[in-house]
Amino acid sequence: MPTIPRSRLSAPLAVAMAVAAAALLMLLGLWLTAREFNARTVEEQGRNLRERLLLRVAPAITALQLAGDLLASAAPGRPTPADARELVLSSLDNNPGVDAVTVCDGRGLLAMAVRAHSGMLLHVRNPAGPVGSDGSDGSDGGQGIPWLRINTDATPPGSGAPMPPATGELCRRMVAATNAQAARVESGRKTATAWTGVHPLPMASAPPGNNAGADAASPVSSAAMTVVVDARDRQGGVERSMGYSFRLDGLLTSLAVGLPQEARVLVTSPHGDSRSPREAASLTEDGDPVHKAALAAWSAAGMPADAVFTFEAQGSRWWAYLAPATDADTRTFAGVAMPQGLLLHMLLRDAAIPLLLACGGLALLLGAWWTHARRGASGADTGPLSDDALRILLAGGESDRLEFKSTLRHNLSSGKHGKEIELAALKTVTAFLNTDGGTLAVGVDDQGQVLGLAPDGFEDADHMLRHFSALLAQHIGVEHQPHVRFTVRMLDGRQLLLVECGKAAEPVILHTGKEEEFYVRMGPTSRKLALSQVMHRLRGNGTQRE
């Protein structure tokens, strides 16, 4: 048998060893960076989820604060049960995202309205005094006085129905939440908000004969959490509080949108001495072993706030992140858990091009890796700009991806706040969302000089962010808010509002109150399109004509 010269074996062997060494180095680098990647990705997803939670409830919180201001200004002896009845009904009717409205005073529950099968259930304290054989005045959660049905034939919770704890306990939780709200004085508001922990919310059973079966056996309570304002009498100090309740199943469903299928939403309210033993720590209460393992690991770690932790569940390692659900004092935490396999898949997907090019040799591998890293750095969310980078951005002037506004709501010409100034900023946001994204800088003049946010007269940065969030929800819609990120930055001793917009997946319409408008970005301006131009643009983007 002829032999192959050694010189013909050495070159292929050297190439194979070089490729193997390059691949090994790449895998080693991936392994070394995997932990940092996992922690950063889970924290980023958790923060995004927390922001979506705040955006989901922000309009209702704003409305609650206004209602609380009015309630706190009520005359002594008010509100009467009749006043409270109108207040809870109007509040529930005007806030579609809220599932229940409660008003309490020093005696307990005054009035409560709950959504139920296309209508409402109403409970109001009997103004005539104690009723029933047990002498109850209705503050026991409806055991003494029946619930009133409004536009619904649902079966309300009544005497003997299991409602742990009673609605009177909800009033005690509301008072405890406002008493523990350390930000009440610091916020500068007359009525600062606070959150309760998890609690049962009285719900209706299905109407008799309506989808008999599973619906007919539906429970009369549902897990919820409530945002509260302290509306006590400012002169007499009479105890009053008002709360908006959100059902957790609806909140969790909205929070899961956009997350990978394997990921888990984590929302928890840890046990306290005053909590019922029947309450679980997890707001999901679905028996998912991942939820149980995550909360057990978090508890074992001392319930860290704003921290990444790991745990084992279903035979694999998971990474998780939990942080307080609001900036104010709260016992409710929100975050996300992701399996290590999913994170590895995400990491390998980002590194797919370098892995393929590794077979071509060490030089090509390193070049491909550098190109991929550059591309990933330009497309990924790398966090806030540094002060120097922000100065460079502003110095470049307005463009198709950047616009300046001197104020958010103050008209510098008239010296008054004007709705037209707010709509001008929202037109720019709408145009960015309908084009390729961009950044709106508020508090900056046309030359890129930082003027600051003082003319707008907001009490603090949080007040401005809440106001802007409410504007987005009212005029653009909460469904588009995941594409908008906004923050208040300090630069050279002055504040400015940065609104970073991505490209929306669906057309974005600006609701001005009188009409609906469609804007796109053309150079450094936002241009309103006529209906025919909008239809032509949609057809050009592949949208079928209806």
Protein backbone atom coordinates (compact mmCIF):
# COMPACT_ATOMS: atom_id res chain seq x y z
CA MET A 1 0.00 0.00 0.00
CA PRO A 2 1.47 3.38 -0.94
CA THR A 3 2.20 5.76 1.90
CA ILE A 4 1.28 9.42 2.03
CA PRO A 5 4.23 11.72 2.60
CA ARG A 6 4.32 13.32 6.04
CA SER A 7 4.45 16.76 4.43
CA ARG A 8 0.95 16.20 2.98
CA LEU A 9 -0.43 15.36 6.45
CA SER A 10 1.09 18.25 8.40
CA ALA A 11 -0.65 21.11 6.59
CA PRO A 12 -4.25 19.78 6.93
CA LEU A 13 -3.53 18.82 10.52
CA ALA A 14 -2.25 22.31 11.29
CA VAL A 15 -5.35 23.89 9.73
CA ALA A 16 -7.64 21.53 11.67
CA MET A 17 -5.85 22.31 14.91
CA ALA A 18 -6.06 26.04 14.23
CA VAL A 19 -9.79 25.83 13.54
CA ALA A 20 -10.30 23.65 16.62
CA ALA A 21 -8.31 26.07 18.75
CA ALA A 22 -10.31 29.01 17.42
CA ALA A 23 -13.60 27.24 18.12
CA LEU A 24 -12.38 26.29 21.61
CA LEU A 25 -11.40 29.86 22.36
CA MET A 26 -14.77 31.07 21.15
CA LEU A 27 -16.65 28.55 23.29
CA LEU A 28 -14.47 29.44 26.25
CA GLY A 29 -15.27 33.11 25.74
CA LEU A 30 -18.97 32.34 25.50
CA TRP A 31 -18.79 30.32 28.71
CA LEU A 32 -16.96 33.09 30.53
CA THR A 33 -19.47 35.73 29.41
CA ALA A 34 -22.59 33.57 29.83
CA ARG A 35 -23.08 34.43 33.51
CA GLU A 36 -22.82 38.15 32.90
CA PHE A 37 -25.10 37.84 29.85
CA ASN A 38 -27.71 35.86 31.79
CA ALA A 39 -27.80 38.34 34.68
CA ARG A 40 -27.97 41.36 32.37
CA THR A 41 -30.70 39.84 30.18
CA VAL A 42 -32.90 38.75 33.09
CA GLU A 43 -32.52 42.11 34.83
CA GLU A 44 -33.36 43.96 31.60
CA GLN A 45 -36.45 41.81 31.01
CA GLY A 46 -37.51 42.25 34.64
CA ARG A 47 -37.14 46.03 34.50
CA ASN A 48 -39.13 46.15 31.26
CA LEU A 49 -41.88 44.07 32.88
CA ARG A 50 -41.96 46.39 35.90
CA GLU A 51 -42.22 49.41 33.58
CA ARG A 52 -45.11 47.77 31.70
CA LEU A 53 -46.86 47.21 35.02
CA LEU A 54 -46.50 50.89 35.92
CA LEU A 55 -47.66 52.00 32.46
CA ARG A 56 -50.64 49.67 32.75
CA VAL A 57 -51.85 51.32 35.97
CA ALA A 58 -50.48 54.87 35.50
CA PRO A 59 -53.66 56.45 34.02
CA ALA A 60 -55.78 54.97 36.81
CA ILE A 61 -53.34 56.19 39.49
CA THR A 62 -53.53 59.72 38.09
CA ALA A 63 -57.35 59.59 38.16
CA LEU A 64 -57.27 58.19 41.72
CA GLN A 65 -55.06 61.03 42.94
CA LEU A 66 -57.46 63.60 41.51
CA ALA A 67 -60.43 61.84 43.12
CA GLY A 68 -58.51 61.63 46.39
CA ASP A 69 -57.82 65.38 46.32
CA LEU A 70 -61.55 66.04 45.96
CA LEU A 71 -62.43 63.55 48.68
CA ALA A 72 -59.90 65.08 51.09
CA SER A 73 -61.53 68.48 50.57
CA ALA A 74 -65.01 67.22 51.51
CA ALA A 75 -66.80 69.05 54.29
CA PRO A 76 -67.14 67.47 57.76
CA GLY A 77 -69.76 64.73 57.71
CA ARG A 78 -69.14 64.07 54.05
CA PRO A 79 -69.05 61.96 52.08
CA THR A 80 -72.40 60.47 52.94
CA PRO A 81 -73.21 56.95 51.72
CA ALA A 82 -75.05 58.57 48.81
CA ASP A 83 -71.96 60.65 47.96
CA ALA A 84 -69.75 57.58 48.15
CA ARG A 85 -72.17 55.64 45.95
CA GLU A 86 -71.89 58.18 43.14
CA LEU A 87 -68.12 58.42 43.58
CA VAL A 88 -67.42 54.68 43.26
CA LEU A 89 -69.85 54.24 40.34
CA SER A 90 -68.45 57.17 38.34
CA SER A 91 -64.85 56.14 39.07
CA LEU A 92 -65.44 52.56 37.92
CA ASP A 93 -67.30 53.74 34.83
CA ASN A 94 -64.55 56.21 33.81
CA ASN A 95 -61.58 53.85 34.39
CA PRO A 96 -62.00 50.69 32.27
CA GLY A 97 -58.75 49.18 33.52
CA VAL A 98 -59.93 49.17 37.16
CA ASP A 99 -61.83 46.15 38.54
CA ALA A 100 -63.14 47.64 41.79
CA VAL A 101 -63.38 51.00 43.59
CA THR A 102 -63.56 51.24 47.39
CA VAL A 103 -64.16 54.17 49.76
CA CYS A 104 -63.54 53.67 53.48
CA ASP A 105 -63.79 55.90 56.54
CA GLY A 106 -63.13 55.47 60.23
CA ARG A 107 -66.05 53.03 60.58
CA GLY A 108 -64.86 50.78 57.76
CA LEU A 109 -66.36 50.18 54.34
CA LEU A 110 -68.49 53.09 53.09
CA ALA A 111 -69.07 52.06 49.46
CA MET A 112 -67.67 49.57 46.96
CA ALA A 113 -68.34 48.95 43.24
CA VAL A 114 -67.07 45.81 41.48
CA ARG A 115 -67.18 44.84 37.79
CA ALA A 116 -69.35 41.78 37.12
CA HIS A 117 -70.38 40.28 33.76
CA SER A 118 -70.85 43.44 31.65
CA GLY A 119 -72.23 45.34 34.61
CA MET A 120 -71.46 46.24 38.21
CA LEU A 121 -72.13 45.12 41.76
CA LEU A 122 -72.62 47.91 44.29
CA HIS A 123 -72.44 47.77 48.09
CA VAL A 124 -73.17 50.89 50.17
CA ARG A 125 -73.31 51.18 53.95
CA ASN A 126 -76.82 51.51 55.33
CA PRO A 127 -77.15 55.15 56.48
CA ALA A 128 -79.89 54.16 58.92
CA GLY A 129 -77.51 52.27 61.17
CA PRO A 130 -77.06 48.58 62.05
CA VAL A 131 -79.23 46.06 60.25
CA GLY A 132 -79.62 42.31 60.32
CA SER A 133 -79.78 39.86 63.17
CA ASP A 134 -76.09 40.29 63.90
CA GLY A 135 -76.26 44.09 64.11
CA SER A 136 -73.94 44.53 61.12
CA ASP A 137 -73.78 47.88 59.35
CA GLY A 138 -72.28 46.45 56.18
CA SER A 139 -68.65 46.96 57.11
CA ASP A 140 -68.32 43.16 57.32
CA GLY A 141 -68.07 42.85 53.55
CA GLY A 142 -71.70 42.58 52.64
CA GLN A 143 -72.92 39.99 55.15
CA GLY A 144 -75.54 42.36 56.60
CA ILE A 145 -76.63 44.39 53.55
CA PRO A 146 -77.10 42.76 50.12
CA TRP A 147 -75.24 43.83 47.02
CA LEU A 148 -77.10 45.85 44.38
CA ARG A 149 -76.90 44.65 40.77
CA ILE A 150 -76.43 47.27 38.06
CA ASN A 151 -76.85 46.11 34.44
CA THR A 152 -75.96 42.53 35.34
CA ASP A 153 -77.73 39.34 36.31
CA ALA A 154 -74.64 37.88 37.94
CA THR A 155 -74.97 36.35 41.39
CA PRO A 156 -73.34 38.70 43.93
CA PRO A 157 -71.51 37.45 47.02
CA GLY A 158 -73.99 37.45 49.88
CA SER A 159 -74.66 36.03 53.30
CA GLY A 160 -72.78 32.79 53.82
CA ALA A 161 -70.64 33.22 50.68
CA PRO A 162 -66.92 32.54 51.20
CA MET A 163 -65.12 35.90 51.01
CA PRO A 164 -61.81 35.57 52.86
CA PRO A 165 -61.03 38.12 54.17
CA ALA A 166 -64.16 40.32 54.28
CA THR A 167 -64.15 43.69 52.59
CA GLY A 168 -63.74 45.26 56.02
CA GLU A 169 -60.27 43.72 56.05
CA LEU A 170 -59.59 45.49 52.74
CA CYS A 171 -60.31 48.81 54.46
CA ARG A 172 -57.84 47.95 57.22
CA ARG A 173 -55.23 47.10 54.60
CA MET A 174 -55.86 50.39 52.82
CA VAL A 175 -55.36 52.34 56.03
CA ALA A 176 -52.20 50.36 56.85
CA ALA A 177 -50.81 51.04 53.36
CA THR A 178 -51.33 54.79 53.61
CA ASN A 179 -49.88 54.92 57.14
CA ALA A 180 -46.76 53.11 55.90
CA GLN A 181 -46.35 55.41 52.87
CA ALA A 182 -43.12 57.18 53.74
CA ALA A 183 -43.30 59.29 50.57
CA ARG A 184 -46.52 61.06 51.55
CA VAL A 185 -44.79 64.24 52.75
CA GLU A 186 -41.79 64.04 50.44
CA SER A 187 -43.91 63.66 47.31
CA GLY A 188 -45.37 67.13 47.75
CA ARG A 189 -48.85 65.86 46.85
CA LYS A 190 -51.78 66.19 49.17
CA THR A 191 -52.74 62.60 48.36
CA ALA A 192 -49.77 60.29 47.76
CA THR A 193 -50.44 56.75 46.55
CA ALA A 194 -49.55 53.50 48.32
CA TRP A 195 -50.07 49.83 47.48
CA THR A 196 -51.63 47.04 49.51
CA GLY A 197 -50.35 43.50 49.30
CA VAL A 198 -52.30 40.64 47.76
CA HIS A 199 -55.89 40.33 48.92
CA PRO A 200 -59.07 38.58 47.78
CA LEU A 201 -61.47 40.77 45.80
CA PRO A 202 -65.19 39.89 46.00
CA MET A 203 -66.33 38.72 42.57
CA ALA A 204 -69.66 37.60 41.19
CA SER A 205 -70.61 34.04 40.32
CA ALA A 206 -71.98 33.33 36.84
CA PRO A 207 -75.71 34.05 36.34
CA PRO A 208 -77.97 31.03 36.92
CA GLY A 209 -78.39 28.99 33.73
CA ASN A 210 -75.64 30.99 31.99
CA ASN A 211 -72.95 28.60 30.73
CA ALA A 212 -73.76 26.08 33.41
CA GLY A 213 -70.75 24.10 34.42
CA ALA A 214 -67.37 25.68 34.93
CA ASP A 215 -68.68 29.24 34.85
CA ALA A 216 -71.51 28.47 37.23
CA ALA A 217 -69.01 27.17 39.73
CA SER A 218 -66.67 30.16 39.41
CA PRO A 219 -65.34 31.50 42.74
CA VAL A 220 -66.72 34.60 44.41
CA SER A 221 -63.29 36.02 45.15
CA SER A 222 -60.26 36.79 43.02
CA ALA A 223 -56.70 37.74 43.92
CA ALA A 224 -56.07 41.46 43.53
CA MET A 225 -53.94 44.32 44.72
CA THR A 226 -55.12 47.85 45.43
CA VAL A 227 -53.56 51.28 45.00
CA VAL A 228 -54.73 53.67 47.72
CA VAL A 229 -54.78 57.40 48.45
CA ASP A 230 -55.05 58.82 51.95
CA ALA A 231 -57.99 61.26 51.69
CA ARG A 232 -58.48 62.09 55.36
CA ASP A 233 -60.13 65.35 56.34
CA ARG A 234 -57.33 67.94 56.28
CA GLN A 235 -58.90 70.01 59.05
CA GLY A 236 -60.64 67.56 61.31
CA GLY A 237 -58.30 64.64 60.63
CA VAL A 238 -61.24 62.31 59.98
CA GLU A 239 -59.94 59.07 58.52
CA ARG A 240 -60.81 58.51 54.84
CA SER A 241 -59.18 56.45 52.10
CA MET A 242 -60.03 55.50 48.53
CA GLY A 243 -58.63 52.62 46.49
CA TYR A 244 -58.63 51.23 42.94
CA SER A 245 -58.27 47.43 42.76
CA PHE A 246 -56.74 45.46 39.86
CA ARG A 247 -57.43 41.77 39.32
CA LEU A 248 -54.14 39.94 39.11
CA ASP A 249 -55.10 37.57 36.31
CA GLY A 250 -55.66 40.54 34.00
CA LEU A 251 -52.42 42.23 35.08
CA LEU A 252 -50.38 39.05 34.64
CA THR A 253 -51.81 38.38 31.19
CA SER A 254 -50.86 41.86 30.01
CA LEU A 255 -47.38 41.58 31.55
CA ALA A 256 -46.67 38.28 29.77
CA VAL A 257 -47.13 39.86 26.32
CA GLY A 258 -43.78 40.08 24.54
CA LEU A 259 -41.96 37.64 26.83
CA PRO A 260 -40.52 34.37 25.43
CA GLN A 261 -42.91 31.47 25.87
CA GLU A 262 -40.60 29.65 28.29
CA ALA A 263 -40.25 32.68 30.58
CA ARG A 264 -42.38 33.19 33.69
CA VAL A 265 -43.88 36.40 35.09
CA LEU A 266 -43.09 36.73 38.81
CA VAL A 267 -45.28 38.93 41.00
CA THR A 268 -45.26 38.39 44.73
CA SER A 269 -46.45 39.94 47.96
CA PRO A 270 -44.60 38.34 50.92
CA HIS A 271 -46.52 37.11 53.93
CA GLY A 272 -46.96 39.48 56.86
CA ASP A 273 -48.21 39.04 60.40
CA SER A 274 -51.60 40.52 59.53
CA ARG A 275 -52.17 38.43 56.41
CA SER A 276 -54.58 35.53 56.17
CA PRO A 277 -52.96 32.05 56.22
CA ARG A 278 -55.00 31.18 53.12
CA GLU A 279 -53.08 33.68 50.98
CA ALA A 280 -50.18 32.42 48.87
CA ALA A 281 -47.07 34.51 48.27
CA SER A 282 -47.36 34.20 44.49
CA LEU A 283 -50.05 36.29 42.87
CA THR A 284 -50.46 33.65 40.15
CA GLU A 285 -51.60 30.91 42.56
CA ASP A 286 -51.57 28.40 39.68
CA GLY A 287 -49.45 25.64 41.22
CA ASP A 288 -46.64 26.15 38.71
CA PRO A 289 -43.51 24.48 40.20
CA VAL A 290 -41.32 27.18 38.64
CA HIS A 291 -43.21 29.93 40.49
CA LYS A 292 -42.99 28.02 43.75
CA ALA A 293 -39.27 27.30 43.37
CA ALA A 294 -38.52 30.90 42.40
CA LEU A 295 -40.30 32.37 45.40
CA ALA A 296 -38.75 29.80 47.74
CA ALA A 297 -35.25 30.67 46.47
CA TRP A 298 -35.99 34.38 46.74
CA SER A 299 -37.22 33.97 50.32
CA ALA A 300 -34.16 31.84 51.22
CA ALA A 301 -31.91 34.61 49.86
CA GLY A 302 -33.51 37.11 52.24
CA MET A 303 -35.99 38.60 49.73
CA PRO A 304 -33.43 40.91 48.05
CA ALA A 305 -34.86 43.97 46.30
CA ASP A 306 -33.61 44.76 42.82
CA ALA A 307 -31.32 41.72 42.56
CA VAL A 308 -30.71 38.70 40.27
CA PHE A 309 -30.83 35.20 41.78
CA THR A 310 -30.82 31.58 40.51
CA PHE A 311 -32.76 28.44 41.43
CA GLU A 312 -33.44 24.89 40.26
CA ALA A 313 -36.82 23.82 38.86
CA GLN A 314 -38.03 21.09 36.48
CA GLY A 315 -34.54 19.65 36.21
CA SER A 316 -32.82 22.84 34.98
CA ARG A 317 -31.33 26.07 36.31
CA TRP A 318 -33.34 29.29 36.13
CA TRP A 319 -32.30 32.92 36.43
CA ALA A 320 -34.71 35.41 37.98
CA TYR A 321 -35.02 39.08 38.93
CA LEU A 322 -37.45 40.81 41.31
CA ALA A 323 -37.79 44.49 42.23
CA PRO A 324 -40.39 46.61 44.08
CA ALA A 325 -43.42 47.13 41.86
CA THR A 326 -43.42 50.88 42.51
CA ASP A 327 -40.88 53.49 43.57
CA ALA A 328 -42.92 54.15 46.71
CA ASP A 329 -42.92 51.89 49.76
CA THR A 330 -44.63 48.64 48.73
CA ARG A 331 -44.82 44.99 49.72
CA THR A 332 -45.44 43.89 46.14
CA PHE A 333 -42.56 42.88 43.86
CA ALA A 334 -42.52 42.20 40.10
CA GLY A 335 -40.00 40.50 37.83
CA VAL A 336 -39.29 37.57 35.53
CA ALA A 337 -37.70 34.10 35.54
CA MET A 338 -35.98 32.59 32.48
CA PRO A 339 -34.49 29.09 32.05
CA GLN A 340 -30.75 28.87 31.46
CA GLY A 341 -31.38 26.92 28.24
CA LEU A 342 -33.36 29.83 26.80
CA LEU A 343 -30.66 32.30 27.79
CA LEU A 344 -28.01 30.08 26.19
CA HIS A 345 -30.10 29.91 23.01
CA MET A 346 -30.33 33.71 22.98
CA LEU A 347 -26.58 33.99 23.50
CA LEU A 348 -25.77 31.47 20.75
CA ARG A 349 -28.26 33.12 18.41
CA ASP A 350 -26.46 36.41 18.83
CA ALA A 351 -23.13 34.63 18.19
CA ALA A 352 -24.31 32.50 15.24
CA ILE A 353 -22.25 34.32 12.62
CA PRO A 354 -18.94 34.02 14.56
CA LEU A 355 -19.56 30.32 15.19
CA LEU A 356 -20.08 29.63 11.47
CA LEU A 357 -17.04 31.64 10.41
CA ALA A 358 -14.86 29.81 12.97
CA CYS A 359 -14.67 26.88 10.52
CA GLY A 360 -12.84 29.15 8.07
CA GLY A 361 -9.85 29.76 10.30
CA LEU A 362 -8.71 31.81 13.27
CA ALA A 363 -8.28 35.06 11.31
CA LEU A 364 -11.72 34.90 9.69
CA LEU A 365 -13.26 33.90 13.02
CA LEU A 366 -11.82 36.90 14.83
CA GLY A 367 -12.88 39.24 12.03
CA ALA A 368 -16.42 37.88 11.98
CA TRP A 369 -16.63 38.09 15.76
CA TRP A 370 -15.51 41.74 15.68
CA THR A 371 -18.10 42.57 13.00
CA HIS A 372 -20.84 40.79 14.90
CA ALA A 373 -19.91 42.49 18.16
CA ARG A 374 -19.99 45.90 16.47
CA ARG A 375 -23.36 45.19 14.94
CA GLY A 376 -24.76 43.87 18.24
CA ALA A 377 -23.48 46.93 20.11
CA SER A 378 -25.18 49.29 17.64
CA GLY A 379 -28.52 47.42 17.71
CA ALA A 380 -28.80 46.45 21.36
CA ASP A 381 -30.06 48.49 24.24
CA THR A 382 -26.78 49.57 25.85
CA GLY A 383 -28.38 51.59 28.60
CA PRO A 384 -28.39 55.37 29.22
CA LEU A 385 -26.09 57.64 27.23
CA SER A 386 -23.14 59.11 29.07
CA ASP A 387 -23.08 62.87 29.59
CA ASP A 388 -20.42 63.29 26.89
CA ALA A 389 -22.37 61.16 24.43
CA LEU A 390 -25.53 63.16 25.18
CA ARG A 391 -23.70 66.45 24.56
CA ILE A 392 -22.45 65.13 21.21
CA LEU A 393 -25.98 64.01 20.31
CA LEU A 394 -27.48 67.43 21.09
CA ALA A 395 -24.68 69.28 19.31
CA GLY A 396 -25.50 67.42 16.09
CA GLY A 397 -28.81 69.27 15.80
CA GLU A 398 -32.26 68.10 14.80
CA SER A 399 -32.60 65.34 12.22
CA ASP A 400 -34.95 62.59 11.09
CA ARG A 401 -34.11 60.75 14.36
CA LEU A 402 -33.81 63.70 16.77
CA GLU A 403 -36.02 66.68 17.69
CA PHE A 404 -35.84 69.37 20.37
CA LYS A 405 -38.71 70.93 22.36
CA SER A 406 -38.21 73.79 24.79
CA THR A 407 -41.06 72.72 27.11
CA LEU A 408 -43.55 69.91 27.57
CA ARG A 409 -46.65 71.95 28.43
CA HIS A 410 -45.67 75.60 29.01
CA ASN A 411 -46.25 78.10 26.19
CA LEU A 412 -43.28 80.46 26.37
CA SER A 413 -45.09 83.05 24.21
CA SER A 414 -48.26 83.30 26.30
CA GLY A 415 -46.63 82.40 29.61
CA LYS A 416 -49.30 79.80 30.33
CA HIS A 417 -49.60 76.01 30.14
CA GLY A 418 -51.21 74.96 26.87
CA LYS A 419 -52.60 71.70 25.50
CA GLU A 420 -51.20 72.63 22.10
CA ILE A 421 -47.66 72.39 23.51
CA GLU A 422 -48.32 68.86 24.82
CA LEU A 423 -49.81 67.78 21.48
CA ALA A 424 -46.79 69.18 19.62
CA ALA A 425 -44.52 66.83 21.59
CA LEU A 426 -46.89 63.89 21.05
CA LYS A 427 -46.94 64.55 17.29
CA THR A 428 -43.19 64.04 17.26
CA VAL A 429 -43.49 60.80 19.27
CA THR A 430 -46.19 59.55 16.87
CA ALA A 431 -44.04 60.39 13.84
CA PHE A 432 -41.04 58.53 15.29
CA LEU A 433 -43.20 55.46 16.05
CA ASN A 434 -44.60 55.46 12.49
CA THR A 435 -41.17 55.79 10.84
CA ASP A 436 -37.86 54.43 12.10
CA GLY A 437 -37.87 55.62 15.70
CA GLY A 438 -35.96 58.50 17.21
CA THR A 439 -35.38 60.65 20.29
CA LEU A 440 -37.34 63.66 21.55
CA ALA A 441 -35.38 65.93 23.90
CA VAL A 442 -37.61 68.25 25.98
CA GLY A 443 -36.02 71.22 27.72
CA VAL A 444 -33.68 71.94 24.80
CA ASP A 445 -33.86 74.89 22.39
CA ASP A 446 -33.51 74.71 18.60
CA GLN A 447 -29.73 75.17 18.85
CA GLY A 448 -29.31 72.18 21.15
CA GLN A 449 -28.75 74.23 24.31
CA VAL A 450 -30.20 72.74 27.51
CA LEU A 451 -32.79 75.13 28.98
CA GLY A 452 -34.11 72.86 31.73
CA LEU A 453 -37.64 71.86 32.71
CA ALA A 454 -38.37 74.62 35.23
CA PRO A 455 -40.92 76.50 33.01
CA ASP A 456 -43.22 73.45 33.02
CA GLY A 457 -43.63 73.79 36.79
CA PHE A 458 -43.67 70.12 37.76
CA GLU A 459 -43.19 69.36 41.43
CA ASP A 460 -40.43 66.84 40.74
CA ALA A 461 -39.15 64.43 38.09
CA ASP A 462 -41.58 61.67 39.11
CA HIS A 463 -44.53 64.02 38.69
CA MET A 464 -43.35 64.91 35.15
CA LEU A 465 -42.87 61.22 34.22
CA ARG A 466 -46.35 60.33 35.51
CA HIS A 467 -47.83 63.26 33.59
CA PHE A 468 -46.09 62.24 30.36
CA SER A 469 -47.16 58.61 30.86
CA ALA A 470 -50.77 59.74 31.22
CA LEU A 471 -50.47 61.82 28.01
CA LEU A 472 -49.20 58.76 26.12
CA ALA A 473 -52.05 56.62 27.40
CA GLN A 474 -54.70 59.23 26.58
CA HIS A 475 -53.55 60.40 23.14
CA ILE A 476 -51.53 57.49 21.71
CA GLY A 477 -52.67 54.40 23.61
CA VAL A 478 -51.17 52.02 26.16
CA GLU A 479 -50.70 49.34 23.48
CA HIS A 480 -47.88 51.43 21.95
CA GLN A 481 -46.15 52.38 25.21
CA PRO A 482 -43.76 49.38 25.19
CA HIS A 483 -42.08 51.09 22.19
CA VAL A 484 -41.48 54.31 24.18
CA ARG A 485 -38.90 54.78 26.93
CA PHE A 486 -38.64 58.09 28.76
CA THR A 487 -36.49 59.40 31.58
CA VAL A 488 -35.41 62.68 33.18
CA ARG A 489 -31.67 63.37 32.83
CA MET A 490 -29.44 65.91 34.53
CA LEU A 491 -26.91 67.63 32.21
CA ASP A 492 -24.74 70.58 33.18
CA GLY A 493 -26.90 71.28 36.22
CA ARG A 494 -30.20 71.31 34.33
CA GLN A 495 -32.86 68.67 33.75
CA LEU A 496 -34.17 67.49 30.42
CA LEU A 497 -36.71 64.84 29.41
CA LEU A 498 -35.44 62.22 26.94
CA VAL A 499 -38.13 60.24 25.08
CA GLU A 500 -36.62 57.35 23.09
CA CYS A 501 -38.99 55.79 20.55
CA GLY A 502 -38.67 52.58 18.58
CA LYS A 503 -40.52 51.71 15.41
CA ALA A 504 -44.04 50.50 16.20
CA ALA A 505 -45.29 47.24 14.70
CA GLU A 506 -48.71 48.77 13.92
CA PRO A 507 -49.76 52.22 12.64
CA VAL A 508 -49.96 54.76 15.47
CA ILE A 509 -52.79 57.29 15.53
CA LEU A 510 -52.69 60.51 17.54
CA HIS A 511 -56.04 61.25 19.25
CA THR A 512 -56.18 65.01 19.74
CA GLY A 513 -59.63 64.99 21.32
CA LYS A 514 -61.32 66.42 18.23
CA GLU A 515 -59.90 64.21 15.49
CA GLU A 516 -57.44 61.43 14.74
CA GLU A 517 -54.17 62.26 12.98
CA PHE A 518 -51.36 60.26 11.38
CA TYR A 519 -47.79 61.60 11.38
CA VAL A 520 -44.51 60.42 9.85
CA ARG A 521 -40.98 61.72 10.05
CA MET A 522 -39.63 63.51 6.95
CA GLY A 523 -36.18 64.91 7.56
CA PRO A 524 -36.11 67.04 10.72
CA THR A 525 -39.89 67.60 10.71
CA SER A 526 -43.03 65.63 11.58
CA ARG A 527 -45.55 65.71 8.74
CA LYS A 528 -49.26 65.00 8.95
CA LEU A 529 -50.55 62.73 6.17
CA ALA A 530 -53.95 62.92 4.52
CA LEU A 531 -56.15 59.82 4.54
CA SER A 532 -55.24 58.97 0.94
CA GLN A 533 -51.54 59.25 1.76
CA VAL A 534 -52.00 57.00 4.81
CA MET A 535 -53.73 54.33 2.70
CA HIS A 536 -51.02 54.55 0.05
CA ARG A 537 -48.33 54.22 2.71
CA LEU A 538 -50.00 51.19 4.28
CA ARG A 539 -50.38 49.46 0.90
CA GLY A 540 -46.74 50.20 0.19
CA ASN A 541 -45.78 48.51 3.48
CA GLY A 542 -47.62 45.37 2.48
CA THR A 543 -50.89 46.03 4.28
CA GLN A 544 -53.84 44.68 2.34
CA ARG A 545 -56.62 47.00 1.40
CA GLU A 546 -59.76 46.35 3.36
